[in-house]
Amino acid sequence: MSADPKFPAAPNDLGYLFLQWGKPESALVVLGPAVENIRNEPALRKNLGEANRLLGRFEAADTAFAQALKLEPEYGAALVGRAKVAEAQGRPDIARQYWTQLLDDPDDALQAQARDALARLRTRSR
């Protein structure tokens, strides 16, 4: 799929399905090569980051999320990924910075997720 430039969404869609099915290892098999072949697709990098995050590979996840944001600076889902990685790594101050940026996101669901996360982080720090 990733060899045919006419279908750049196919590996991303398949990788996303694997993530939805709870199979991050399979998502990596699809998304890893696709990221190498399709360099300008932020969603591929975001989903690669999510697969790595779910597998506890936090450095690789954060790198993928950062690359997605470099391609699309307003990509809220990638910022969510970075916030979740920071929380998983025990860096609540960094997580708060990412979540706070999402309070102005045009996606109401991401705003709500950010508010909930910030409230959870405040409760934990008490």
PDB file of N, CA and C in Angstrom:
ATOM      1  N   MET A   1       0.818  -1.202   0.000  1.00  0.00           N
ATOM      2  CA  MET A   1       0.000   0.000   0.000  1.00  0.00           C
ATOM      3  C   MET A   1       0.853   1.254   0.000  1.00  0.00           C
ATOM      4  N   SER A   2       1.881   1.296   0.846  1.00  0.00           N
ATOM      5  CA  SER A   2       2.664   2.523   0.947  1.00  0.00           C
ATOM      6  C   SER A   2       3.542   2.737  -0.276  1.00  0.00           C
ATOM      7  N   ALA A   3       3.710   1.710  -1.113  1.00  0.00           N
ATOM      8  CA  ALA A   3       4.528   1.862  -2.308  1.00  0.00           C
ATOM      9  C   ALA A   3       3.794   2.638  -3.393  1.00  0.00           C
ATOM     10  N   ASP A   4       2.497   2.724  -3.323  1.00  0.00           N
ATOM     11  CA  ASP A   4       1.715   3.418  -4.335  1.00  0.00           C
ATOM     12  C   ASP A   4       1.319   4.799  -3.820  1.00  0.00           C
ATOM     13  N   PRO A   5       1.917   5.851  -4.379  1.00  0.00           N
ATOM     14  CA  PRO A   5       1.621   7.201  -3.883  1.00  0.00           C
ATOM     15  C   PRO A   5       0.164   7.624  -4.062  1.00  0.00           C
ATOM     16  N   LYS A   6      -0.613   6.889  -4.847  1.00  0.00           N
ATOM     17  CA  LYS A   6      -2.022   7.217  -5.016  1.00  0.00           C
ATOM     18  C   LYS A   6      -2.844   6.848  -3.777  1.00  0.00           C
ATOM     19  N   PHE A   7      -2.279   6.014  -2.909  1.00  0.00           N
ATOM     20  CA  PHE A   7      -3.032   5.531  -1.760  1.00  0.00           C
ATOM     21  C   PHE A   7      -2.317   5.806  -0.437  1.00  0.00           C
ATOM     22  N   PRO A   8      -1.939   7.051  -0.181  1.00  0.00           N
ATOM     23  CA  PRO A   8      -1.223   7.314   1.077  1.00  0.00           C
ATOM     24  C   PRO A   8      -2.082   7.109   2.315  1.00  0.00           C
ATOM     25  N   ALA A   9      -3.394   7.175   2.168  1.00  0.00           N
ATOM     26  CA  ALA A   9      -4.253   7.019   3.341  1.00  0.00           C
ATOM     27  C   ALA A   9      -4.443   5.559   3.725  1.00  0.00           C
ATOM     28  N   ALA A  10      -4.220   4.637   2.814  1.00  0.00           N
ATOM     29  CA  ALA A  10      -4.498   3.229   3.092  1.00  0.00           C
ATOM     30  C   ALA A  10      -3.690   2.692   4.274  1.00  0.00           C
ATOM     31  N   PRO A  11      -2.364   2.877   4.326  1.00  0.00           N
ATOM     32  CA  PRO A  11      -1.650   2.338   5.495  1.00  0.00           C
ATOM     33  C   PRO A  11      -2.045   3.032   6.793  1.00  0.00           C
ATOM     34  N   ASN A  12      -2.347   4.313   6.717  1.00  0.00           N
ATOM     35  CA  ASN A  12      -2.781   5.014   7.919  1.00  0.00           C
ATOM     36  C   ASN A  12      -4.115   4.453   8.400  1.00  0.00           C
ATOM     37  N   ASP A  13      -5.032   4.247   7.462  1.00  0.00           N
ATOM     38  CA  ASP A  13      -6.338   3.713   7.839  1.00  0.00           C
ATOM     39  C   ASP A  13      -6.208   2.317   8.431  1.00  0.00           C
ATOM     40  N   LEU A  14      -5.371   1.478   7.831  1.00  0.00           N
ATOM     41  CA  LEU A  14      -5.181   0.128   8.348  1.00  0.00           C
ATOM     42  C   LEU A  14      -4.517   0.165   9.729  1.00  0.00           C
ATOM     43  N   GLY A  15      -3.496   0.998   9.882  1.00  0.00           N
ATOM     44  CA  GLY A  15      -2.841   1.137  11.179  1.00  0.00           C
ATOM     45  C   GLY A  15      -3.814   1.625  12.236  1.00  0.00           C
ATOM     46  N   TYR A  16      -4.652   2.586  11.880  1.00  0.00           N
ATOM     47  CA  TYR A  16      -5.649   3.105  12.813  1.00  0.00           C
ATOM     48  C   TYR A  16      -6.631   2.006  13.226  1.00  0.00           C
ATOM     49  N   LEU A  17      -7.048   1.182  12.253  1.00  0.00           N
ATOM     50  CA  LEU A  17      -7.943   0.068  12.582  1.00  0.00           C
ATOM     51  C   LEU A  17      -7.291  -0.884  13.586  1.00  0.00           C
ATOM     52  N   PHE A  18      -6.016  -1.188  13.361  1.00  0.00           N
ATOM     53  CA  PHE A  18      -5.313  -2.048  14.313  1.00  0.00           C
ATOM     54  C   PHE A  18      -5.301  -1.417  15.702  1.00  0.00           C
ATOM     55  N   LEU A  19      -5.106  -0.105  15.764  1.00  0.00           N
ATOM     56  CA  LEU A  19      -5.138   0.566  17.070  1.00  0.00           C
ATOM     57  C   LEU A  19      -6.522   0.440  17.703  1.00  0.00           C
ATOM     58  N   GLN A  20      -7.560   0.631  16.911  1.00  0.00           N
ATOM     59  CA  GLN A  20      -8.923   0.520  17.422  1.00  0.00           C
ATOM     60  C   GLN A  20      -9.234  -0.892  17.899  1.00  0.00           C
ATOM     61  N   TRP A  21      -8.610  -1.875  17.277  1.00  0.00           N
ATOM     62  CA  TRP A  21      -8.825  -3.279  17.650  1.00  0.00           C
ATOM     63  C   TRP A  21      -7.917  -3.712  18.797  1.00  0.00           C
ATOM     64  N   GLY A  22      -7.121  -2.778  19.344  1.00  0.00           N
ATOM     65  CA  GLY A  22      -6.240  -3.117  20.452  1.00  0.00           C
ATOM     66  C   GLY A  22      -5.023  -3.924  20.041  1.00  0.00           C
ATOM     67  N   LYS A  23      -4.541  -3.708  18.825  1.00  0.00           N
ATOM     68  CA  LYS A  23      -3.393  -4.441  18.305  1.00  0.00           C
ATOM     69  C   LYS A  23      -2.285  -3.468  17.876  1.00  0.00           C
ATOM     70  N   PRO A  24      -1.648  -2.792  18.852  1.00  0.00           N
ATOM     71  CA  PRO A  24      -0.630  -1.815  18.491  1.00  0.00           C
ATOM     72  C   PRO A  24       0.591  -2.437  17.808  1.00  0.00           C
ATOM     73  N   GLU A  25       0.906  -3.701  18.103  1.00  0.00           N
ATOM     74  CA  GLU A  25       2.042  -4.347  17.432  1.00  0.00           C
ATOM     75  C   GLU A  25       1.789  -4.443  15.930  1.00  0.00           C
ATOM     76  N   SER A  26       0.566  -4.814  15.555  1.00  0.00           N
ATOM     77  CA  SER A  26       0.209  -4.896  14.138  1.00  0.00           C
ATOM     78  C   SER A  26       0.202  -3.510  13.501  1.00  0.00           C
ATOM     79  N   ALA A  27      -0.233  -2.513  14.257  1.00  0.00           N
ATOM     80  CA  ALA A  27      -0.208  -1.141  13.743  1.00  0.00           C
ATOM     81  C   ALA A  27       1.220  -0.723  13.413  1.00  0.00           C
ATOM     82  N   LEU A  28       2.173  -1.089  14.267  1.00  0.00           N
ATOM     83  CA  LEU A  28       3.576  -0.751  14.004  1.00  0.00           C
ATOM     84  C   LEU A  28       4.082  -1.384  12.716  1.00  0.00           C
ATOM     85  N   VAL A  29       3.657  -2.612  12.451  1.00  0.00           N
ATOM     86  CA  VAL A  29       4.093  -3.312  11.242  1.00  0.00           C
ATOM     87  C   VAL A  29       3.666  -2.547  10.000  1.00  0.00           C
ATOM     88  N   VAL A  30       2.487  -1.961  10.037  1.00  0.00           N
ATOM     89  CA  VAL A  30       1.959  -1.215   8.893  1.00  0.00           C
ATOM     90  C   VAL A  30       2.498   0.218   8.866  1.00  0.00           C
ATOM     91  N   LEU A  31       2.461   0.878  10.014  1.00  0.00           N
ATOM     92  CA  LEU A  31       2.781   2.308  10.060  1.00  0.00           C
ATOM     93  C   LEU A  31       4.271   2.596   9.952  1.00  0.00           C
ATOM     94  N   GLY A  32       5.110   1.738  10.517  1.00  0.00           N
ATOM     95  CA  GLY A  32       6.554   1.967  10.467  1.00  0.00           C
ATOM     96  C   GLY A  32       7.073   2.159   9.047  1.00  0.00           C
ATOM     97  N   PRO A  33       6.856   1.184   8.154  1.00  0.00           N
ATOM     98  CA  PRO A  33       7.319   1.356   6.773  1.00  0.00           C
ATOM     99  C   PRO A  33       6.607   2.499   6.052  1.00  0.00           C
ATOM    100  N   ALA A  34       5.331   2.701   6.355  1.00  0.00           N
ATOM    101  CA  ALA A  34       4.582   3.770   5.684  1.00  0.00           C
ATOM    102  C   ALA A  34       5.183   5.133   5.990  1.00  0.00           C
ATOM    103  N   VAL A  35       5.603   5.344   7.237  1.00  0.00           N
ATOM    104  CA  VAL A  35       6.212   6.628   7.622  1.00  0.00           C
ATOM    105  C   VAL A  35       7.486   6.875   6.821  1.00  0.00           C
ATOM    106  N   GLU A  36       8.224   5.810   6.546  1.00  0.00           N
ATOM    107  CA  GLU A  36       9.457   5.946   5.753  1.00  0.00           C
ATOM    108  C   GLU A  36       9.156   6.289   4.300  1.00  0.00           C
ATOM    109  N   ASN A  37       8.047   5.773   3.771  1.00  0.00           N
ATOM    110  CA  ASN A  37       7.716   5.967   2.362  1.00  0.00           C
ATOM    111  C   ASN A  37       6.859   7.202   2.098  1.00  0.00           C
ATOM    112  N   ILE A  38       6.094   7.612   3.081  1.00  0.00           N
ATOM    113  CA  ILE A  38       5.197   8.764   2.924  1.00  0.00           C
ATOM    114  C   ILE A  38       5.594   9.770   3.983  1.00  0.00           C
ATOM    115  N   ARG A  39       6.426  10.691   3.629  1.00  0.00           N
ATOM    116  CA  ARG A  39       7.072  11.562   4.616  1.00  0.00           C
ATOM    117  C   ARG A  39       6.245  12.774   5.043  1.00  0.00           C
ATOM    118  N   ASN A  40       5.232  13.147   4.303  1.00  0.00           N
ATOM    119  CA  ASN A  40       4.536  14.400   4.600  1.00  0.00           C
ATOM    120  C   ASN A  40       3.118  14.187   5.126  1.00  0.00           C
ATOM    121  N   GLU A  41       2.860  13.058   5.765  1.00  0.00           N
ATOM    122  CA  GLU A  41       1.520  12.761   6.275  1.00  0.00           C
ATOM    123  C   GLU A  41       1.542  12.734   7.802  1.00  0.00           C
ATOM    124  N   PRO A  42       1.072  13.816   8.455  1.00  0.00           N
ATOM    125  CA  PRO A  42       1.127  13.876   9.914  1.00  0.00           C
ATOM    126  C   PRO A  42       0.306  12.791  10.609  1.00  0.00           C
ATOM    127  N   ALA A  43      -0.803  12.367  10.015  1.00  0.00           N
ATOM    128  CA  ALA A  43      -1.636  11.347  10.655  1.00  0.00           C
ATOM    129  C   ALA A  43      -0.886  10.026  10.803  1.00  0.00           C
ATOM    130  N   LEU A  44      -0.045   9.689   9.838  1.00  0.00           N
ATOM    131  CA  LEU A  44       0.764   8.475   9.956  1.00  0.00           C
ATOM    132  C   LEU A  44       1.663   8.545  11.184  1.00  0.00           C
ATOM    133  N   ARG A  45       2.300   9.687  11.361  1.00  0.00           N
ATOM    134  CA  ARG A  45       3.205   9.852  12.498  1.00  0.00           C
ATOM    135  C   ARG A  45       2.447   9.857  13.825  1.00  0.00           C
ATOM    136  N   LYS A  46       1.285  10.477  13.831  1.00  0.00           N
ATOM    137  CA  LYS A  46       0.472  10.489  15.051  1.00  0.00           C
ATOM    138  C   LYS A  46       0.061   9.072  15.427  1.00  0.00           C
ATOM    139  N   ASN A  47      -0.386   8.291  14.461  1.00  0.00           N
ATOM    140  CA  ASN A  47      -0.800   6.921  14.752  1.00  0.00           C
ATOM    141  C   ASN A  47       0.390   6.033  15.103  1.00  0.00           C
ATOM    142  N   LEU A  48       1.538   6.284  14.491  1.00  0.00           N
ATOM    143  CA  LEU A  48       2.754   5.573  14.878  1.00  0.00           C
ATOM    144  C   LEU A  48       3.103   5.899  16.334  1.00  0.00           C
ATOM    145  N   GLY A  49       2.965   7.158  16.697  1.00  0.00           N
ATOM    146  CA  GLY A  49       3.194   7.563  18.079  1.00  0.00           C
ATOM    147  C   GLY A  49       2.236   6.879  19.029  1.00  0.00           C
ATOM    148  N   GLU A  50       0.991   6.771  18.632  1.00  0.00           N
ATOM    149  CA  GLU A  50      -0.004   6.125  19.493  1.00  0.00           C
ATOM    150  C   GLU A  50       0.319   4.644  19.680  1.00  0.00           C
ATOM    151  N   ALA A  51       0.719   3.981  18.613  1.00  0.00           N
ATOM    152  CA  ALA A  51       1.091   2.557  18.735  1.00  0.00           C
ATOM    153  C   ALA A  51       2.271   2.403  19.691  1.00  0.00           C
ATOM    154  N   ASN A  52       3.270   3.241  19.538  1.00  0.00           N
ATOM    155  CA  ASN A  52       4.435   3.182  20.431  1.00  0.00           C
ATOM    156  C   ASN A  52       4.052   3.495  21.873  1.00  0.00           C
ATOM    157  N   ARG A  53       3.185   4.474  22.064  1.00  0.00           N
ATOM    158  CA  ARG A  53       2.753   4.838  23.425  1.00  0.00           C
ATOM    159  C   ARG A  53       2.052   3.661  24.089  1.00  0.00           C
ATOM    160  N   LEU A  54       1.166   3.025  23.347  1.00  0.00           N
ATOM    161  CA  LEU A  54       0.424   1.892  23.907  1.00  0.00           C
ATOM    162  C   LEU A  54       1.336   0.719  24.265  1.00  0.00           C
ATOM    163  N   LEU A  55       2.465   0.635  23.585  1.00  0.00           N
ATOM    164  CA  LEU A  55       3.440  -0.428  23.866  1.00  0.00           C
ATOM    165  C   LEU A  55       4.477  -0.012  24.900  1.00  0.00           C
ATOM    166  N   GLY A  56       4.322   1.208  25.452  1.00  0.00           N
ATOM    167  CA  GLY A  56       5.253   1.675  26.475  1.00  0.00           C
ATOM    168  C   GLY A  56       6.573   2.180  25.927  1.00  0.00           C
ATOM    169  N   ARG A  57       6.647   2.427  24.659  1.00  0.00           N
ATOM    170  CA  ARG A  57       7.855   2.952  24.006  1.00  0.00           C
ATOM    171  C   ARG A  57       7.719   4.476  23.921  1.00  0.00           C
ATOM    172  N   PHE A  58       7.893   5.103  25.075  1.00  0.00           N
ATOM    173  CA  PHE A  58       7.545   6.515  25.208  1.00  0.00           C
ATOM    174  C   PHE A  58       8.438   7.460  24.418  1.00  0.00           C
ATOM    175  N   GLU A  59       9.724   7.183  24.346  1.00  0.00           N
ATOM    176  CA  GLU A  59      10.614   8.066  23.582  1.00  0.00           C
ATOM    177  C   GLU A  59      10.251   8.040  22.100  1.00  0.00           C
ATOM    178  N   ALA A  60      10.044   6.835  21.558  1.00  0.00           N
ATOM    179  CA  ALA A  60       9.656   6.705  20.149  1.00  0.00           C
ATOM    180  C   ALA A  60       8.292   7.358  19.904  1.00  0.00           C
ATOM    181  N   ALA A  61       7.391   7.193  20.854  1.00  0.00           N
ATOM    182  CA  ALA A  61       6.067   7.804  20.726  1.00  0.00           C
ATOM    183  C   ALA A  61       6.176   9.316  20.688  1.00  0.00           C
ATOM    184  N   ASP A  62       6.926   9.888  21.635  1.00  0.00           N
ATOM    185  CA  ASP A  62       7.045  11.339  21.693  1.00  0.00           C
ATOM    186  C   ASP A  62       7.704  11.885  20.427  1.00  0.00           C
ATOM    187  N   THR A  63       8.683  11.171  19.908  1.00  0.00           N
ATOM    188  CA  THR A  63       9.338  11.591  18.665  1.00  0.00           C
ATOM    189  C   THR A  63       8.336  11.618  17.512  1.00  0.00           C
ATOM    190  N   ALA A  64       7.520  10.579  17.401  1.00  0.00           N
ATOM    191  CA  ALA A  64       6.532  10.520  16.326  1.00  0.00           C
ATOM    192  C   ALA A  64       5.493  11.639  16.468  1.00  0.00           C
ATOM    193  N   PHE A  65       5.025  11.870  17.692  1.00  0.00           N
ATOM    194  CA  PHE A  65       4.059  12.957  17.901  1.00  0.00           C
ATOM    195  C   PHE A  65       4.690  14.317  17.560  1.00  0.00           C
ATOM    196  N   ALA A  66       5.937  14.522  17.946  1.00  0.00           N
ATOM    197  CA  ALA A  66       6.621  15.781  17.645  1.00  0.00           C
ATOM    198  C   ALA A  66       6.775  15.966  16.140  1.00  0.00           C
ATOM    199  N   GLN A  67       7.069  14.885  15.420  1.00  0.00           N
ATOM    200  CA  GLN A  67       7.190  14.971  13.961  1.00  0.00           C
ATOM    201  C   GLN A  67       5.848  15.315  13.325  1.00  0.00           C
ATOM    202  N   ALA A  68       4.764  14.746  13.848  1.00  0.00           N
ATOM    203  CA  ALA A  68       3.433  15.077  13.338  1.00  0.00           C
ATOM    204  C   ALA A  68       3.140  16.559  13.535  1.00  0.00           C
ATOM    205  N   LEU A  69       3.513  17.073  14.707  1.00  0.00           N
ATOM    206  CA  LEU A  69       3.279  18.498  14.988  1.00  0.00           C
ATOM    207  C   LEU A  69       4.168  19.399  14.143  1.00  0.00           C
ATOM    208  N   LYS A  70       5.337  18.923  13.781  1.00  0.00           N
ATOM    209  CA  LYS A  70       6.209  19.712  12.907  1.00  0.00           C
ATOM    210  C   LYS A  70       5.560  19.849  11.522  1.00  0.00           C
ATOM    211  N   LEU A  71       4.912  18.784  11.074  1.00  0.00           N
ATOM    212  CA  LEU A  71       4.227  18.820   9.780  1.00  0.00           C
ATOM    213  C   LEU A  71       2.926  19.614   9.842  1.00  0.00           C
ATOM    214  N   GLU A  72       2.237  19.517  10.978  1.00  0.00           N
ATOM    215  CA  GLU A  72       0.956  20.212  11.158  1.00  0.00           C
ATOM    216  C   GLU A  72       0.895  20.770  12.582  1.00  0.00           C
ATOM    217  N   PRO A  73       1.393  22.003  12.776  1.00  0.00           N
ATOM    218  CA  PRO A  73       1.538  22.562  14.125  1.00  0.00           C
ATOM    219  C   PRO A  73       0.252  22.630  14.953  1.00  0.00           C
ATOM    220  N   GLU A  74      -0.894  22.642  14.337  1.00  0.00           N
ATOM    221  CA  GLU A  74      -2.161  22.735  15.076  1.00  0.00           C
ATOM    222  C   GLU A  74      -2.837  21.374  15.232  1.00  0.00           C
ATOM    223  N   TYR A  75      -2.088  20.299  15.099  1.00  0.00           N
ATOM    224  CA  TYR A  75      -2.646  18.940  15.143  1.00  0.00           C
ATOM    225  C   TYR A  75      -2.904  18.546  16.597  1.00  0.00           C
ATOM    226  N   GLY A  76      -4.127  18.784  17.040  1.00  0.00           N
ATOM    227  CA  GLY A  76      -4.489  18.562  18.436  1.00  0.00           C
ATOM    228  C   GLY A  76      -4.297  17.134  18.904  1.00  0.00           C
ATOM    229  N   ALA A  77      -4.612  16.157  18.066  1.00  0.00           N
ATOM    230  CA  ALA A  77      -4.482  14.757  18.480  1.00  0.00           C
ATOM    231  C   ALA A  77      -3.030  14.389  18.759  1.00  0.00           C
ATOM    232  N   ALA A  78      -2.106  14.984  18.029  1.00  0.00           N
ATOM    233  CA  ALA A  78      -0.681  14.733  18.289  1.00  0.00           C
ATOM    234  C   ALA A  78      -0.265  15.380  19.608  1.00  0.00           C
ATOM    235  N   LEU A  79      -0.825  16.534  19.902  1.00  0.00           N
ATOM    236  CA  LEU A  79      -0.530  17.191  21.174  1.00  0.00           C
ATOM    237  C   LEU A  79      -1.093  16.379  22.342  1.00  0.00           C
ATOM    238  N   VAL A  80      -2.260  15.780  22.156  1.00  0.00           N
ATOM    239  CA  VAL A  80      -2.814  14.878  23.167  1.00  0.00           C
ATOM    240  C   VAL A  80      -1.836  13.736  23.411  1.00  0.00           C
ATOM    241  N   GLY A  81      -1.295  13.194  22.332  1.00  0.00           N
ATOM    242  CA  GLY A  81      -0.329  12.116  22.472  1.00  0.00           C
ATOM    243  C   GLY A  81       0.882  12.522  23.286  1.00  0.00           C
ATOM    244  N   ARG A  82       1.405  13.707  23.017  1.00  0.00           N
ATOM    245  CA  ARG A  82       2.563  14.185  23.779  1.00  0.00           C
ATOM    246  C   ARG A  82       2.205  14.368  25.252  1.00  0.00           C
ATOM    247  N   ALA A  83       1.006  14.865  25.516  1.00  0.00           N
ATOM    248  CA  ALA A  83       0.577  15.048  26.903  1.00  0.00           C
ATOM    249  C   ALA A  83       0.470  13.701  27.626  1.00  0.00           C
ATOM    250  N   LYS A  84      -0.091  12.712  26.956  1.00  0.00           N
ATOM    251  CA  LYS A  84      -0.222  11.385  27.560  1.00  0.00           C
ATOM    252  C   LYS A  84       1.138  10.747  27.808  1.00  0.00           C
ATOM    253  N   VAL A  85       2.066  10.950  26.878  1.00  0.00           N
ATOM    254  CA  VAL A  85       3.423  10.425  27.071  1.00  0.00           C
ATOM    255  C   VAL A  85       4.074  11.085  28.280  1.00  0.00           C
ATOM    256  N   ALA A  86       3.940  12.405  28.378  1.00  0.00           N
ATOM    257  CA  ALA A  86       4.539  13.117  29.508  1.00  0.00           C
ATOM    258  C   ALA A  86       3.951  12.617  30.831  1.00  0.00           C
ATOM    259  N   GLU A  87       2.649  12.397  30.861  1.00  0.00           N
ATOM    260  CA  GLU A  87       2.029  11.847  32.078  1.00  0.00           C
ATOM    261  C   GLU A  87       2.585  10.465  32.387  1.00  0.00           C
ATOM    262  N   ALA A  88       2.684   9.615  31.379  1.00  0.00           N
ATOM    263  CA  ALA A  88       3.172   8.250  31.584  1.00  0.00           C
ATOM    264  C   ALA A  88       4.623   8.236  32.056  1.00  0.00           C
ATOM    265  N   GLN A  89       5.377   9.236  31.668  1.00  0.00           N
ATOM    266  CA  GLN A  89       6.779   9.337  32.083  1.00  0.00           C
ATOM    267  C   GLN A  89       6.932  10.026  33.435  1.00  0.00           C
ATOM    268  N   GLY A  90       5.822  10.399  34.056  1.00  0.00           N
ATOM    269  CA  GLY A  90       5.894  11.058  35.355  1.00  0.00           C
ATOM    270  C   GLY A  90       6.364  12.499  35.263  1.00  0.00           C
ATOM    271  N   ARG A  91       5.997  13.176  34.187  1.00  0.00           N
ATOM    272  CA  ARG A  91       6.353  14.584  33.993  1.00  0.00           C
ATOM    273  C   ARG A  91       5.076  15.434  33.935  1.00  0.00           C
ATOM    274  N   PRO A  92       4.399  15.597  35.068  1.00  0.00           N
ATOM    275  CA  PRO A  92       3.109  16.292  35.059  1.00  0.00           C
ATOM    276  C   PRO A  92       3.194  17.751  34.628  1.00  0.00           C
ATOM    277  N   ASP A  93       4.300  18.425  34.914  1.00  0.00           N
ATOM    278  CA  ASP A  93       4.410  19.828  34.503  1.00  0.00           C
ATOM    279  C   ASP A  93       4.422  19.959  32.984  1.00  0.00           C
ATOM    280  N   ILE A  94       5.125  19.064  32.316  1.00  0.00           N
ATOM    281  CA  ILE A  94       5.154  19.069  30.842  1.00  0.00           C
ATOM    282  C   ILE A  94       3.768  18.705  30.312  1.00  0.00           C
ATOM    283  N   ALA A  95       3.143  17.697  30.911  1.00  0.00           N
ATOM    284  CA  ALA A  95       1.794  17.294  30.493  1.00  0.00           C
ATOM    285  C   ALA A  95       0.823  18.468  30.611  1.00  0.00           C
ATOM    286  N   ARG A  96       0.912  19.203  31.723  1.00  0.00           N
ATOM    287  CA  ARG A  96       0.022  20.369  31.912  1.00  0.00           C
ATOM    288  C   ARG A  96       0.220  21.395  30.804  1.00  0.00           C
ATOM    289  N   GLN A  97       1.460  21.613  30.391  1.00  0.00           N
ATOM    290  CA  GLN A  97       1.728  22.574  29.314  1.00  0.00           C
ATOM    291  C   GLN A  97       1.020  22.149  28.025  1.00  0.00           C
ATOM    292  N   TYR A  98       1.134  20.858  27.698  1.00  0.00           N
ATOM    293  CA  TYR A  98       0.476  20.375  26.481  1.00  0.00           C
ATOM    294  C   TYR A  98      -1.038  20.449  26.596  1.00  0.00           C
ATOM    295  N   TRP A  99      -1.581  19.981  27.724  1.00  0.00           N
ATOM    296  CA  TRP A  99      -3.030  20.018  27.903  1.00  0.00           C
ATOM    297  C   TRP A  99      -3.545  21.452  27.850  1.00  0.00           C
ATOM    298  N   THR A 100      -2.814  22.385  28.458  1.00  0.00           N
ATOM    299  CA  THR A 100      -3.242  23.785  28.473  1.00  0.00           C
ATOM    300  C   THR A 100      -3.340  24.347  27.056  1.00  0.00           C
ATOM    301  N   GLN A 101      -2.421  23.965  26.182  1.00  0.00           N
ATOM    302  CA  GLN A 101      -2.469  24.427  24.791  1.00  0.00           C
ATOM    303  C   GLN A 101      -3.755  23.974  24.099  1.00  0.00           C
ATOM    304  N   LEU A 102      -4.298  22.856  24.536  1.00  0.00           N
ATOM    305  CA  LEU A 102      -5.495  22.315  23.897  1.00  0.00           C
ATOM    306  C   LEU A 102      -6.789  22.978  24.355  1.00  0.00           C
ATOM    307  N   LEU A 103      -6.720  23.809  25.388  1.00  0.00           N
ATOM    308  CA  LEU A 103      -7.932  24.476  25.862  1.00  0.00           C
ATOM    309  C   LEU A 103      -8.526  25.408  24.810  1.00  0.00           C
ATOM    310  N   ASP A 104      -7.710  25.861  23.867  1.00  0.00           N
ATOM    311  CA  ASP A 104      -8.181  26.743  22.791  1.00  0.00           C
ATOM    312  C   ASP A 104      -8.372  26.011  21.469  1.00  0.00           C
ATOM    313  N   ASP A 105      -8.269  24.695  21.471  1.00  0.00           N
ATOM    314  CA  ASP A 105      -8.402  23.928  20.245  1.00  0.00           C
ATOM    315  C   ASP A 105      -9.806  24.083  19.676  1.00  0.00           C
ATOM    316  N   PRO A 106      -9.955  24.149  18.363  1.00  0.00           N
ATOM    317  CA  PRO A 106     -11.296  24.281  17.787  1.00  0.00           C
ATOM    318  C   PRO A 106     -12.176  23.046  17.995  1.00  0.00           C
ATOM    319  N   ASP A 107     -11.572  21.910  18.302  1.00  0.00           N
ATOM    320  CA  ASP A 107     -12.328  20.682  18.531  1.00  0.00           C
ATOM    321  C   ASP A 107     -12.814  20.656  19.976  1.00  0.00           C
ATOM    322  N   ASP A 108     -14.117  20.738  20.159  1.00  0.00           N
ATOM    323  CA  ASP A 108     -14.703  20.758  21.506  1.00  0.00           C
ATOM    324  C   ASP A 108     -14.350  19.510  22.309  1.00  0.00           C
ATOM    325  N   ALA A 109     -14.261  18.368  21.644  1.00  0.00           N
ATOM    326  CA  ALA A 109     -13.929  17.127  22.350  1.00  0.00           C
ATOM    327  C   ALA A 109     -12.507  17.178  22.901  1.00  0.00           C
ATOM    328  N   LEU A 110     -11.579  17.767  22.146  1.00  0.00           N
ATOM    329  CA  LEU A 110     -10.208  17.891  22.643  1.00  0.00           C
ATOM    330  C   LEU A 110     -10.135  18.888  23.793  1.00  0.00           C
ATOM    331  N   GLN A 111     -10.930  19.955  23.711  1.00  0.00           N
ATOM    332  CA  GLN A 111     -10.991  20.912  24.819  1.00  0.00           C
ATOM    333  C   GLN A 111     -11.491  20.224  26.086  1.00  0.00           C
ATOM    334  N   ALA A 112     -12.524  19.431  25.961  1.00  0.00           N
ATOM    335  CA  ALA A 112     -13.083  18.728  27.122  1.00  0.00           C
ATOM    336  C   ALA A 112     -12.068  17.737  27.682  1.00  0.00           C
ATOM    337  N   GLN A 113     -11.374  17.028  26.800  1.00  0.00           N
ATOM    338  CA  GLN A 113     -10.357  16.082  27.250  1.00  0.00           C
ATOM    339  C   GLN A 113      -9.250  16.814  28.006  1.00  0.00           C
ATOM    340  N   ALA A 114      -8.880  17.984  27.511  1.00  0.00           N
ATOM    341  CA  ALA A 114      -7.834  18.775  28.169  1.00  0.00           C
ATOM    342  C   ALA A 114      -8.306  19.255  29.541  1.00  0.00           C
ATOM    343  N   ARG A 115      -9.536  19.735  29.632  1.00  0.00           N
ATOM    344  CA  ARG A 115     -10.068  20.174  30.932  1.00  0.00           C
ATOM    345  C   ARG A 115     -10.089  19.021  31.937  1.00  0.00           C
ATOM    346  N   ASP A 116     -10.544  17.861  31.482  1.00  0.00           N
ATOM    347  CA  ASP A 116     -10.579  16.689  32.374  1.00  0.00           C
ATOM    348  C   ASP A 116      -9.171  16.296  32.827  1.00  0.00           C
ATOM    349  N   ALA A 117      -8.229  16.308  31.901  1.00  0.00           N
ATOM    350  CA  ALA A 117      -6.852  15.932  32.242  1.00  0.00           C
ATOM    351  C   ALA A 117      -6.242  16.923  33.221  1.00  0.00           C
ATOM    352  N   LEU A 118      -6.476  18.210  32.993  1.00  0.00           N
ATOM    353  CA  LEU A 118      -5.927  19.219  33.899  1.00  0.00           C
ATOM    354  C   LEU A 118      -6.538  19.084  35.295  1.00  0.00           C
ATOM    355  N   ALA A 119      -7.829  18.800  35.368  1.00  0.00           N
ATOM    356  CA  ALA A 119      -8.472  18.591  36.675  1.00  0.00           C
ATOM    357  C   ALA A 119      -7.886  17.357  37.352  1.00  0.00           C
ATOM    358  N   ARG A 120      -7.683  16.302  36.594  1.00  0.00           N
ATOM    359  CA  ARG A 120      -7.092  15.077  37.145  1.00  0.00           C
ATOM    360  C   ARG A 120      -5.680  15.342  37.654  1.00  0.00           C
ATOM    361  N   LEU A 121      -4.891  16.104  36.903  1.00  0.00           N
ATOM    362  CA  LEU A 121      -3.520  16.414  37.316  1.00  0.00           C
ATOM    363  C   LEU A 121      -3.505  17.300  38.556  1.00  0.00           C
ATOM    364  N   ARG A 122      -4.468  18.225  38.677  1.00  0.00           N
ATOM    365  CA  ARG A 122      -4.552  19.063  39.877  1.00  0.00           C
ATOM    366  C   ARG A 122      -4.877  18.210  41.096  1.00  0.00           C
ATOM    367  N   THR A 123      -5.806  17.281  40.938  1.00  0.00           N
ATOM    368  CA  THR A 123      -6.206  16.407  42.039  1.00  0.00           C
ATOM    369  C   THR A 123      -5.037  15.535  42.485  1.00  0.00           C
ATOM    370  N   ARG A 124      -4.273  15.034  41.546  1.00  0.00           N
ATOM    371  CA  ARG A 124      -3.132  14.172  41.877  1.00  0.00           C
ATOM    372  C   ARG A 124      -2.030  14.912  42.592  1.00  0.00           C
ATOM    373  N   SER A 125      -1.882  16.188  42.289  1.00  0.00           N
ATOM    374  CA  SER A 125      -0.764  16.942  42.873  1.00  0.00           C
ATOM    375  C   SER A 125      -1.071  17.414  44.294  1.00  0.00           C
ATOM    376  N   ARG A 126      -2.272  17.199  44.772  1.00  0.00           N
ATOM    377  CA  ARG A 126      -2.637  17.642  46.126  1.00  0.00           C
ATOM    378  C   ARG A 126      -2.265  16.636  47.150  1.00  0.00           C
TER     379      ARG A 126
END
